[in-house]
Amino acid sequence: MKKLKRMMAVLLAMVMALAMSVTVFAAEPQGSLKVKVNENNTLEGQTLNVYKLFDLSVNGTNYAYTVNETYKAGIIDALNLTEEDPAPDSAALYNAISELEGTEVQNFADAFTAYALTNDLTETGTSGKIESDATDYTFDNLDYGYYLVYQTGTKELQSSLVSVDKAGVTEVDLKGEAPSITKDAQNTAGTSIDSVEIGQIVKYVITGTIPDTTGYDQYQYIIHDTLTDGLDFVDQNGTEPSGTSYNVSVQIESNAAAPETATLSGTDNRTMKLDLSQWIRDNQASKGQTFTVTYYAKVNSDAVVTTNNSASLEYGNDPDSTTTTTPVQEKTPTFPLQIKKFATEVEYLEGATFRIYRSETDAQQKQNPIAVTGGNGSYTVNPVQTGVGLSYDMVSANTQVGTRFNLKLNGLAAGDYWIVETDAPDGYNGVTAPIKVTVTVSADDDVNNWTISQNGHPEPDKVIDIENSTGSILPGTGGMGTILFTVIGVALVIVVAGSFVVSRRRKAE
């Protein structure tokens, strides 16, 4: 037992001796870095990388920066210093950065980022690809230091610099914006439009910014566009492509437009894919500048109020992990004209013939009516408005062709129109004066919230009510009424003549 106690005492002494001989290291001070996106943007699909350019030690209000050897060559390059032997030390690099003013600081940050990307430097920390639509991201447990934050995939190569020098959270605001596109629907003259007529050619203009692809071996920049059933891709003259190749024009600001080839696919070739990846890389001298893509579509007879197309941008430096923006829709609605033709005793009066005109003068002179197709009370604006063999007449049906109307014309743009009843049904009096109808697009973004008025009076149910009148037969010449008047007239003449004869006899006596 005594031997066991002695052995335990020896072992305990050895453990204590070893413990006392171990050097105690203090933990590196750490903090958190909260990276916040700029206004009206999110981090979805983005990646944040941080590079610790300098280590930092803090003692009260005293700060000491030591260059990170991993990034020393990049810092020297970004400062346009010469890497002599011996190379600039921490103090020289610190002094060079501290003397930067105004835009020089941002230029240094961007220059280092370009060097890091070109030379494939490993970042100190990364967020990985952010899948949510968050507006901030926090790097926790960062050692004190001077950090550069780089947001990948932005329109311009732009980074932020910040010192993590406290145990709490340090915040930094990002300055870069993710690539995006806008879209505008125009007429062929280049004026923006908010509605269309069947047969009309619509000019679409997509606007974007050439992104900075510095340091990327690859960069994807692909525009996707899908039309609804009421639109077909065409050229400027309205001719549909014969295959799946489709030419568009691309223009950098005021430079001459250049042709590019898109690919069509899907049902009736209504999906377009325009791969501008190589074009973006070939035009890096114009990075940061605005460019436009122009192409055309024609409104067909399937167009409805909700006719639109949807465009999105796919981008990224990794072909296997690209980001696709939220689709932007350009709505080009077309509206119906709905008429209830009726009489006092007939709810839906059949056989009234109408024509529709774009101006009051045309309606009064009965010239240049709008060509239509269809029948049985249901008509559509004819995509072809000139030529021989066109039809202009719309005839009311004897029953509903829609809710509370028996005549419909689909495919009108917003604006003023004049309806003329050219032929009334047998036994009814027609409406002689042109009827003005006005289709108005709502100021909000709801294309279904449109209105229509008749001669300036709103129609809440969007139906134009037109009544025909009828009456009893008026008297005509040669009828019984004339014979009766003749008989009465002869009788009066006889009575007057008889009275005259009697009066002469009395005088003679």
Protein backbone atom coordinates (compact mmCIF):
# COMPACT_ATOMS: atom_id res chain seq x y z
CA MET A 1 0.00 0.00 0.00
CA LYS A 2 2.86 2.32 0.87
CA LYS A 3 4.50 1.55 -2.47
CA LEU A 4 1.23 2.40 -4.29
CA LYS A 5 0.99 5.71 -2.47
CA ARG A 6 4.59 6.52 -3.35
CA MET A 7 3.94 5.74 -7.06
CA MET A 8 0.81 7.92 -7.10
CA ALA A 9 2.70 10.78 -5.50
CA VAL A 10 5.46 10.51 -8.09
CA LEU A 11 2.97 10.46 -10.97
CA LEU A 12 1.11 13.47 -9.58
CA ALA A 13 4.35 15.37 -9.23
CA MET A 14 5.26 14.56 -12.82
CA VAL A 15 1.86 15.74 -14.10
CA MET A 16 2.16 19.00 -12.19
CA ALA A 17 5.65 19.54 -13.49
CA LEU A 18 4.54 18.96 -17.08
CA ALA A 19 1.54 21.27 -16.67
CA MET A 20 3.74 24.04 -15.36
CA SER A 21 6.08 23.66 -18.28
CA VAL A 22 3.33 24.11 -20.96
CA THR A 23 3.28 27.60 -22.51
CA VAL A 24 -0.10 29.34 -22.16
CA PHE A 25 -1.26 31.16 -25.34
CA ALA A 26 -3.86 33.91 -25.19
CA ALA A 27 -6.73 33.56 -27.71
CA GLU A 28 -6.60 35.89 -30.69
CA PRO A 29 -9.15 38.70 -30.23
CA GLN A 30 -12.06 38.25 -32.62
CA GLY A 31 -15.13 40.12 -33.83
CA SER A 32 -17.97 39.86 -36.33
CA LEU A 33 -18.34 41.60 -39.68
CA LYS A 34 -21.90 42.31 -40.87
CA VAL A 35 -22.03 42.98 -44.60
CA LYS A 36 -25.13 44.90 -45.71
CA VAL A 37 -26.47 45.15 -49.24
CA ASN A 38 -27.23 48.54 -50.75
CA GLU A 39 -30.77 49.84 -51.13
CA ASN A 40 -33.27 48.04 -53.41
CA ASN A 41 -31.00 44.98 -53.78
CA THR A 42 -30.62 41.57 -52.18
CA LEU A 43 -27.77 39.09 -51.81
CA GLU A 44 -29.65 36.27 -53.51
CA GLY A 45 -27.33 34.40 -55.85
CA GLN A 46 -24.30 36.44 -54.70
CA THR A 47 -21.09 35.31 -52.99
CA LEU A 48 -19.17 37.42 -50.45
CA ASN A 49 -15.42 36.91 -50.03
CA VAL A 50 -13.20 38.55 -47.39
CA TYR A 51 -9.42 39.00 -47.54
CA LYS A 52 -7.49 39.95 -44.39
CA LEU A 53 -4.85 42.32 -45.75
CA PHE A 54 -3.33 43.19 -42.35
CA ASP A 55 -3.32 41.62 -38.92
CA LEU A 56 -4.33 44.07 -36.22
CA SER A 57 -3.41 44.35 -32.55
CA VAL A 58 -5.28 46.78 -30.33
CA ASN A 59 -4.23 48.31 -27.03
CA GLY A 60 -6.70 50.95 -25.93
CA THR A 61 -6.56 53.61 -28.63
CA ASN A 62 -3.32 52.24 -30.09
CA TYR A 63 -3.45 50.15 -33.29
CA ALA A 64 -0.64 48.17 -34.90
CA TYR A 65 -1.04 46.69 -38.39
CA THR A 66 1.12 43.86 -39.71
CA VAL A 67 0.86 42.91 -43.38
CA ASN A 68 -0.53 39.49 -44.22
CA GLU A 69 2.23 37.81 -46.20
CA THR A 70 -0.36 35.87 -48.22
CA TYR A 71 -1.56 39.08 -49.83
CA LYS A 72 1.57 41.23 -49.66
CA ALA A 73 2.40 41.00 -53.36
CA GLY A 74 -1.19 41.93 -54.25
CA ILE A 75 -1.12 44.96 -51.96
CA ILE A 76 2.16 46.14 -53.49
CA ASP A 77 0.73 45.71 -56.99
CA ALA A 78 -2.52 47.53 -56.12
CA LEU A 79 -0.52 50.46 -54.69
CA ASN A 80 1.65 50.60 -57.85
CA LEU A 81 4.77 50.15 -55.73
CA THR A 82 7.89 48.39 -56.92
CA GLU A 83 8.68 45.13 -55.14
CA GLU A 84 12.35 45.82 -54.50
CA ASP A 85 14.78 43.83 -52.39
CA PRO A 86 13.99 44.23 -49.61
CA ALA A 87 10.27 44.61 -50.37
CA PRO A 88 8.24 47.33 -48.60
CA ASP A 89 7.55 46.26 -45.02
CA SER A 90 4.33 46.53 -43.00
CA ALA A 91 5.04 50.11 -41.95
CA ALA A 92 5.67 51.24 -45.54
CA LEU A 93 2.51 49.56 -46.84
CA TYR A 94 0.46 50.88 -43.91
CA ASN A 95 1.72 54.42 -44.55
CA ALA A 96 1.00 54.14 -48.29
CA ILE A 97 -2.62 53.13 -47.66
CA SER A 98 -3.18 55.69 -44.91
CA GLU A 99 -2.11 58.46 -47.31
CA LEU A 100 -4.76 57.56 -49.89
CA GLU A 101 -7.51 60.13 -50.31
CA GLY A 102 -10.98 60.23 -51.89
CA THR A 103 -11.40 57.88 -54.83
CA GLU A 104 -7.84 56.58 -54.37
CA VAL A 105 -9.05 54.33 -51.56
CA GLN A 106 -11.70 52.74 -53.77
CA ASN A 107 -9.23 52.42 -56.63
CA PHE A 108 -6.83 50.55 -54.34
CA ALA A 109 -9.59 48.18 -53.21
CA ASP A 110 -10.68 47.44 -56.76
CA ALA A 111 -7.11 47.00 -57.95
CA PHE A 112 -6.36 44.48 -55.21
CA THR A 113 -9.56 42.58 -56.03
CA ALA A 114 -8.58 42.39 -59.69
CA TYR A 115 -5.14 41.06 -58.68
CA ALA A 116 -6.67 38.51 -56.32
CA LEU A 117 -9.07 37.23 -58.99
CA THR A 118 -6.48 37.20 -61.75
CA ASN A 119 -3.94 35.36 -59.59
CA ASP A 120 -6.53 33.08 -57.98
CA LEU A 121 -5.69 34.07 -54.41
CA THR A 122 -7.51 32.10 -51.75
CA GLU A 123 -9.88 34.23 -49.71
CA THR A 124 -9.68 34.40 -45.92
CA GLY A 125 -13.38 33.60 -45.65
CA THR A 126 -16.39 33.16 -47.93
CA SER A 127 -20.14 33.13 -47.57
CA GLY A 128 -20.60 30.67 -50.41
CA LYS A 129 -23.48 31.29 -52.80
CA ILE A 130 -26.32 32.93 -50.86
CA GLU A 131 -29.65 31.32 -51.83
CA SER A 132 -32.04 33.52 -49.85
CA ASP A 133 -33.09 37.09 -50.62
CA ALA A 134 -31.33 38.34 -47.48
CA THR A 135 -30.11 41.93 -47.31
CA ASP A 136 -27.12 41.22 -45.02
CA TYR A 137 -24.62 38.49 -44.13
CA THR A 138 -22.44 38.19 -41.03
CA PHE A 139 -18.94 36.71 -40.85
CA ASP A 140 -18.43 35.54 -37.26
CA ASN A 141 -15.18 34.79 -35.41
CA LEU A 142 -12.92 36.94 -37.56
CA ASP A 143 -9.52 37.77 -36.09
CA TYR A 144 -8.87 41.46 -35.69
CA GLY A 145 -7.56 42.85 -38.94
CA TYR A 146 -7.96 45.09 -41.97
CA TYR A 147 -10.34 43.33 -44.38
CA LEU A 148 -11.39 43.72 -47.97
CA VAL A 149 -14.94 42.56 -48.79
CA TYR A 150 -15.69 41.54 -52.36
CA GLN A 151 -19.18 40.83 -53.72
CA THR A 152 -19.00 38.57 -56.77
CA GLY A 153 -21.09 39.01 -59.89
CA THR A 154 -21.71 42.75 -59.66
CA LYS A 155 -22.11 45.15 -62.56
CA GLU A 156 -18.78 46.73 -61.71
CA LEU A 157 -15.73 45.41 -59.87
CA GLN A 158 -16.15 47.23 -56.58
CA SER A 159 -14.98 46.19 -53.11
CA SER A 160 -15.17 47.60 -49.59
CA LEU A 161 -12.45 48.04 -46.95
CA VAL A 162 -13.07 47.83 -43.21
CA SER A 163 -11.17 47.23 -39.95
CA VAL A 164 -12.47 44.60 -37.52
CA ASP A 165 -11.15 46.03 -34.27
CA LYS A 166 -13.72 45.24 -31.59
CA ALA A 167 -15.37 42.23 -30.03
CA GLY A 168 -18.83 43.26 -31.18
CA VAL A 169 -20.28 43.56 -34.69
CA THR A 170 -18.66 45.83 -37.25
CA GLU A 171 -20.87 46.81 -40.20
CA VAL A 172 -19.92 47.60 -43.78
CA ASP A 173 -22.18 48.67 -46.64
CA LEU A 174 -21.70 47.12 -50.06
CA LYS A 175 -21.49 49.41 -53.05
CA GLY A 176 -21.82 46.99 -55.94
CA GLU A 177 -25.08 46.11 -57.67
CA ALA A 178 -26.00 42.74 -59.08
CA PRO A 179 -26.59 42.54 -62.85
CA SER A 180 -30.18 43.22 -63.88
CA ILE A 181 -32.22 44.13 -66.93
CA THR A 182 -35.20 46.34 -67.67
CA LYS A 183 -37.64 46.05 -70.55
CA ASP A 184 -39.83 48.44 -72.51
CA ALA A 185 -42.57 47.82 -75.08
CA GLN A 186 -42.70 50.39 -77.88
CA ASN A 187 -44.37 50.96 -81.21
CA THR A 188 -42.17 50.79 -84.30
CA ALA A 189 -41.56 54.55 -84.02
CA GLY A 190 -39.92 54.01 -80.62
CA THR A 191 -42.68 55.41 -78.36
CA SER A 192 -43.59 53.45 -75.23
CA ILE A 193 -47.04 51.82 -75.33
CA ASP A 194 -49.36 50.38 -72.70
CA SER A 195 -51.76 48.43 -74.95
CA VAL A 196 -51.83 46.90 -78.42
CA GLU A 197 -54.14 46.00 -81.29
CA ILE A 198 -54.19 42.61 -82.96
CA GLY A 199 -51.88 42.71 -85.98
CA GLN A 200 -49.63 45.39 -84.44
CA ILE A 201 -45.84 44.96 -84.41
CA VAL A 202 -44.34 45.62 -80.97
CA LYS A 203 -40.73 46.68 -80.53
CA TYR A 204 -39.11 45.35 -77.35
CA VAL A 205 -36.01 47.01 -75.88
CA ILE A 206 -34.05 45.31 -73.09
CA THR A 207 -31.55 47.51 -71.26
CA GLY A 208 -28.59 46.25 -69.21
CA THR A 209 -25.08 47.17 -68.08
CA ILE A 210 -21.90 45.47 -69.29
CA PRO A 211 -20.51 43.79 -66.14
CA ASP A 212 -16.84 43.73 -65.16
CA THR A 213 -15.51 40.19 -65.73
CA THR A 214 -11.95 40.87 -64.56
CA GLY A 215 -10.28 37.71 -63.29
CA TYR A 216 -12.96 35.34 -64.53
CA ASP A 217 -12.00 32.56 -66.92
CA GLN A 218 -15.68 32.23 -67.79
CA TYR A 219 -18.70 34.47 -67.44
CA GLN A 220 -22.28 33.60 -68.34
CA TYR A 221 -24.66 36.33 -69.47
CA ILE A 222 -27.83 34.92 -71.03
CA ILE A 223 -31.19 36.61 -71.64
CA HIS A 224 -34.31 34.44 -71.64
CA ASP A 225 -37.64 35.73 -72.98
CA THR A 226 -40.98 33.91 -73.16
CA LEU A 227 -44.03 35.22 -75.04
CA THR A 228 -47.63 34.42 -74.19
CA ASP A 229 -49.87 32.86 -76.86
CA GLY A 230 -50.95 36.24 -78.20
CA LEU A 231 -47.47 37.17 -79.47
CA ASP A 232 -45.10 35.79 -82.11
CA PHE A 233 -41.44 36.67 -82.67
CA VAL A 234 -41.00 38.53 -85.97
CA ASP A 235 -38.49 40.83 -87.63
CA GLN A 236 -38.98 44.58 -87.99
CA ASN A 237 -41.16 44.03 -91.06
CA GLY A 238 -43.42 41.51 -89.34
CA THR A 239 -41.96 38.39 -90.97
CA GLU A 240 -41.73 35.31 -88.77
CA PRO A 241 -38.39 33.45 -88.69
CA SER A 242 -38.34 30.28 -90.76
CA GLY A 243 -36.42 28.21 -88.20
CA THR A 244 -35.07 28.42 -84.67
CA SER A 245 -32.46 31.10 -85.41
CA TYR A 246 -33.62 34.62 -84.66
CA ASN A 247 -31.66 37.83 -85.27
CA VAL A 248 -31.70 40.67 -82.75
CA SER A 249 -29.65 43.86 -82.57
CA VAL A 250 -27.33 44.82 -79.70
CA GLN A 251 -26.05 48.35 -79.18
CA ILE A 252 -23.64 49.90 -76.65
CA GLU A 253 -24.96 53.36 -75.80
CA SER A 254 -24.49 55.50 -78.92
CA ASN A 255 -22.42 53.00 -80.91
CA ALA A 256 -23.81 51.37 -84.04
CA ALA A 257 -26.06 48.37 -83.46
CA ALA A 258 -24.55 44.94 -84.10
CA PRO A 259 -26.53 41.82 -85.01
CA GLU A 260 -26.59 38.85 -82.68
CA THR A 261 -28.30 35.48 -83.14
CA ALA A 262 -30.74 34.12 -80.57
CA THR A 263 -32.27 30.64 -80.42
CA LEU A 264 -36.03 30.00 -80.40
CA SER A 265 -37.66 26.98 -78.81
CA GLY A 266 -40.81 25.81 -77.07
CA THR A 267 -44.39 25.80 -78.32
CA ASP A 268 -44.59 27.70 -81.62
CA ASN A 269 -41.06 29.05 -80.97
CA ARG A 270 -42.22 31.53 -78.32
CA THR A 271 -39.17 31.09 -76.04
CA MET A 272 -36.00 33.01 -76.89
CA LYS A 273 -32.49 32.42 -75.53
CA LEU A 274 -29.90 35.09 -76.27
CA ASP A 275 -26.41 34.11 -75.08
CA LEU A 276 -24.31 37.29 -74.77
CA SER A 277 -21.53 35.67 -72.73
CA GLN A 278 -18.86 35.99 -75.42
CA TRP A 279 -20.16 39.41 -76.46
CA ILE A 280 -19.78 40.64 -72.85
CA ARG A 281 -16.20 39.35 -72.68
CA ASP A 282 -15.34 40.87 -76.07
CA ASN A 283 -16.60 44.31 -74.97
CA GLN A 284 -14.84 44.71 -71.62
CA ALA A 285 -13.41 48.01 -72.82
CA SER A 286 -16.98 49.30 -72.37
CA LYS A 287 -17.62 47.70 -68.95
CA GLY A 288 -20.02 49.70 -66.85
CA GLN A 289 -21.73 51.17 -69.91
CA THR A 290 -25.37 50.69 -70.83
CA PHE A 291 -26.34 48.45 -73.71
CA THR A 292 -29.67 47.62 -75.36
CA VAL A 293 -31.09 44.55 -77.08
CA THR A 294 -33.86 45.19 -79.63
CA TYR A 295 -36.27 42.67 -81.16
CA TYR A 296 -39.88 42.50 -82.34
CA ALA A 297 -43.10 40.54 -81.82
CA LYS A 298 -46.46 40.64 -83.59
CA VAL A 299 -49.81 40.54 -81.81
CA ASN A 300 -51.84 37.60 -83.12
CA SER A 301 -55.53 36.69 -82.91
CA ASP A 302 -55.04 34.82 -79.61
CA ALA A 303 -54.17 38.05 -77.78
CA VAL A 304 -56.18 38.81 -74.64
CA VAL A 305 -56.15 41.40 -71.88
CA THR A 306 -53.33 39.57 -70.06
CA THR A 307 -51.01 39.34 -73.08
CA ASN A 308 -47.38 39.92 -72.01
CA ASN A 309 -43.87 38.56 -72.19
CA SER A 310 -41.44 37.70 -69.45
CA ALA A 311 -37.66 38.28 -69.60
CA SER A 312 -34.98 37.20 -67.14
CA LEU A 313 -31.20 37.35 -66.95
CA GLU A 314 -28.97 34.37 -66.17
CA TYR A 315 -25.44 35.34 -65.10
CA GLY A 316 -22.39 34.18 -63.16
CA ASN A 317 -18.74 33.19 -63.45
CA ASP A 318 -19.48 29.49 -62.84
CA PRO A 319 -21.49 27.85 -65.65
CA ASP A 320 -22.64 25.17 -63.22
CA SER A 321 -23.87 27.63 -60.61
CA THR A 322 -25.41 30.66 -62.31
CA THR A 323 -27.95 33.10 -60.91
CA THR A 324 -31.24 33.92 -62.65
CA THR A 325 -32.95 37.22 -61.89
CA THR A 326 -36.63 37.57 -61.11
CA PRO A 327 -38.44 37.82 -64.46
CA VAL A 328 -39.49 41.28 -65.60
CA GLN A 329 -42.86 41.35 -67.35
CA GLU A 330 -43.82 43.81 -70.04
CA LYS A 331 -47.60 43.79 -70.33
CA THR A 332 -49.16 44.56 -73.70
CA PRO A 333 -52.90 44.06 -73.15
CA THR A 334 -55.52 44.17 -75.88
CA PHE A 335 -59.17 44.86 -75.04
CA PRO A 336 -62.61 43.66 -76.17
CA LEU A 337 -65.59 45.70 -77.30
CA GLN A 338 -68.75 44.09 -75.92
CA ILE A 339 -72.18 45.18 -77.19
CA LYS A 340 -75.69 44.30 -76.08
CA LYS A 341 -78.07 44.89 -79.00
CA PHE A 342 -81.69 44.77 -77.81
CA ALA A 343 -85.24 46.12 -78.24
CA THR A 344 -88.07 46.70 -75.77
CA GLU A 345 -89.57 43.27 -76.20
CA VAL A 346 -86.39 41.44 -77.37
CA GLU A 347 -83.52 40.98 -74.92
CA TYR A 348 -80.96 40.05 -77.57
CA LEU A 349 -81.82 41.46 -81.00
CA GLU A 350 -80.40 39.54 -83.91
CA GLY A 351 -79.27 40.89 -87.26
CA ALA A 352 -78.04 44.42 -86.47
CA THR A 353 -74.95 45.17 -88.55
CA PHE A 354 -72.16 47.41 -87.27
CA ARG A 355 -68.84 48.78 -88.41
CA ILE A 356 -66.16 50.37 -86.21
CA TYR A 357 -63.89 53.29 -87.07
CA ARG A 358 -60.80 54.89 -85.53
CA SER A 359 -61.95 58.51 -86.05
CA GLU A 360 -65.21 60.43 -85.96
CA THR A 361 -64.59 61.77 -89.47
CA ASP A 362 -64.21 58.26 -90.87
CA ALA A 363 -67.39 57.20 -89.06
CA GLN A 364 -69.41 60.12 -90.45
CA GLN A 365 -68.12 59.57 -93.96
CA LYS A 366 -68.23 55.78 -93.61
CA GLN A 367 -64.65 55.32 -94.79
CA ASN A 368 -61.65 53.29 -93.56
CA PRO A 369 -63.47 50.91 -91.20
CA ILE A 370 -61.48 48.40 -89.13
CA ALA A 371 -61.30 44.98 -90.82
CA VAL A 372 -62.58 42.06 -88.74
CA THR A 373 -62.82 38.29 -88.90
CA GLY A 374 -65.32 35.91 -87.31
CA GLY A 375 -69.07 35.44 -87.15
CA ASN A 376 -72.06 34.40 -85.00
CA GLY A 377 -71.67 37.53 -82.89
CA SER A 378 -67.99 36.94 -82.08
CA TYR A 379 -65.33 38.84 -84.03
CA THR A 380 -61.62 39.64 -83.88
CA VAL A 381 -59.65 42.51 -85.35
CA ASN A 382 -58.12 41.19 -88.55
CA PRO A 383 -54.30 41.17 -88.34
CA VAL A 384 -54.40 42.20 -92.02
CA GLN A 385 -55.95 45.66 -92.43
CA THR A 386 -55.26 46.35 -96.09
CA GLY A 387 -55.96 44.38 -99.25
CA VAL A 388 -58.88 42.84 -101.13
CA GLY A 389 -61.47 40.46 -99.75
CA LEU A 390 -61.51 41.92 -96.24
CA SER A 391 -64.67 41.95 -94.14
CA TYR A 392 -65.75 44.92 -92.02
CA ASP A 393 -69.26 43.96 -90.87
CA MET A 394 -70.16 42.66 -87.41
CA VAL A 395 -73.68 41.21 -86.94
CA SER A 396 -75.39 40.76 -83.58
CA ALA A 397 -76.51 37.27 -82.51
CA ASN A 398 -79.91 36.23 -81.13
CA THR A 399 -78.39 34.95 -77.91
CA GLN A 400 -75.52 35.74 -75.55
CA VAL A 401 -71.97 35.27 -76.79
CA GLY A 402 -70.68 36.36 -73.39
CA THR A 403 -72.01 37.62 -70.08
CA ARG A 404 -74.87 40.01 -70.96
CA PHE A 405 -73.83 40.79 -74.56
CA ASN A 406 -74.55 39.35 -78.00
CA LEU A 407 -71.81 41.00 -80.06
CA LYS A 408 -68.10 41.07 -79.30
CA LEU A 409 -64.99 42.39 -81.03
CA ASN A 410 -61.64 41.33 -79.55
CA GLY A 411 -58.24 42.91 -80.11
CA LEU A 412 -58.47 46.69 -79.64
CA ALA A 413 -55.83 48.92 -78.12
CA ALA A 414 -56.84 51.56 -75.58
CA GLY A 415 -58.24 54.71 -77.19
CA ASP A 416 -61.31 56.23 -78.89
CA TYR A 417 -63.48 54.41 -81.43
CA TRP A 418 -66.78 55.14 -83.21
CA ILE A 419 -69.45 52.49 -83.85
CA VAL A 420 -71.89 52.89 -86.73
CA GLU A 421 -75.01 50.75 -87.17
CA THR A 422 -75.06 50.28 -90.94
CA ASP A 423 -78.13 48.04 -91.14
CA ALA A 424 -80.96 47.52 -88.64
CA PRO A 425 -82.94 44.25 -88.39
CA ASP A 426 -86.17 44.07 -90.38
CA GLY A 427 -88.99 45.84 -88.54
CA TYR A 428 -86.67 48.02 -86.41
CA ASN A 429 -85.34 51.54 -86.64
CA GLY A 430 -81.55 51.75 -86.63
CA VAL A 431 -79.33 54.15 -84.66
CA THR A 432 -78.23 56.80 -87.13
CA ALA A 433 -75.57 58.75 -85.20
CA PRO A 434 -72.07 57.28 -84.61
CA ILE A 435 -71.56 56.05 -81.04
CA LYS A 436 -68.25 56.99 -79.42
CA VAL A 437 -66.62 54.40 -77.16
CA THR A 438 -63.43 54.98 -75.18
CA VAL A 439 -61.21 52.23 -73.75
CA THR A 440 -58.94 53.39 -70.93
CA VAL A 441 -56.03 51.60 -69.26
CA SER A 442 -55.87 51.85 -65.49
CA ALA A 443 -53.04 53.87 -63.99
CA ASP A 444 -52.13 50.97 -61.67
CA ASP A 445 -50.32 47.83 -62.78
CA ASP A 446 -53.47 45.68 -62.96
CA VAL A 447 -54.24 45.23 -66.67
CA ASN A 448 -57.65 43.79 -65.78
CA ASN A 449 -58.66 47.09 -64.19
CA TRP A 450 -59.58 48.80 -67.48
CA THR A 451 -62.68 50.88 -68.24
CA ILE A 452 -64.92 51.65 -71.20
CA SER A 453 -67.38 54.50 -71.76
CA GLN A 454 -70.19 55.22 -74.23
CA ASN A 455 -70.44 58.81 -75.45
CA GLY A 456 -68.50 59.87 -72.35
CA HIS A 457 -70.59 57.86 -69.86
CA PRO A 458 -68.76 55.04 -68.05
CA GLU A 459 -70.08 51.49 -68.44
CA PRO A 460 -69.34 49.73 -65.12
CA ASP A 461 -70.09 46.29 -66.58
CA LYS A 462 -67.90 47.02 -69.65
CA VAL A 463 -70.89 46.39 -71.98
CA ILE A 464 -72.17 48.95 -74.52
CA ASP A 465 -75.99 48.89 -74.58
CA ILE A 466 -77.59 49.83 -77.92
CA GLU A 467 -81.39 49.75 -78.29
CA ASN A 468 -83.43 49.61 -81.52
CA SER A 469 -86.99 50.94 -81.60
CA THR A 470 -90.10 49.79 -83.47
CA GLY A 471 -93.73 51.08 -83.78
CA SER A 472 -97.20 50.69 -85.52
CA ILE A 473 -97.61 51.10 -89.29
CA LEU A 474 -98.14 54.72 -90.35
CA PRO A 475 -101.04 55.50 -92.80
CA GLY A 476 -100.21 55.45 -96.49
CA THR A 477 -101.72 57.03 -99.65
CA GLY A 478 -104.47 55.03 -101.49
CA GLY A 479 -105.63 53.23 -98.38
CA MET A 480 -109.03 53.14 -96.63
CA GLY A 481 -108.31 56.41 -94.95
CA THR A 482 -108.35 58.26 -98.31
CA ILE A 483 -111.60 56.57 -99.50
CA LEU A 484 -113.36 57.55 -96.30
CA PHE A 485 -112.28 61.17 -96.66
CA THR A 486 -113.46 61.12 -100.29
CA VAL A 487 -116.92 59.76 -99.40
CA ILE A 488 -117.34 62.35 -96.67
CA GLY A 489 -116.25 65.09 -99.04
CA VAL A 490 -118.78 64.05 -101.72
CA ALA A 491 -121.56 63.89 -99.13
CA LEU A 492 -120.76 67.39 -97.96
CA VAL A 493 -120.85 68.67 -101.53
CA ILE A 494 -124.28 67.08 -102.07
CA VAL A 495 -125.60 68.58 -98.85
CA VAL A 496 -124.34 72.03 -99.76
CA ALA A 497 -125.78 71.77 -103.30
CA GLY A 498 -129.17 70.62 -101.98
CA SER A 499 -129.27 73.48 -99.52
CA PHE A 500 -128.52 75.92 -102.30
CA VAL A 501 -131.41 74.57 -104.49
CA VAL A 502 -133.92 74.71 -101.63
CA SER A 503 -132.89 78.26 -100.82
CA ARG A 504 -133.51 79.40 -104.47
CA ARG A 505 -136.98 77.88 -104.53
CA ARG A 506 -138.00 79.63 -101.34
CA LYS A 507 -136.92 82.95 -102.80
CA ALA A 508 -138.91 82.30 -106.02
CA GLU A 509 -142.13 81.71 -104.06
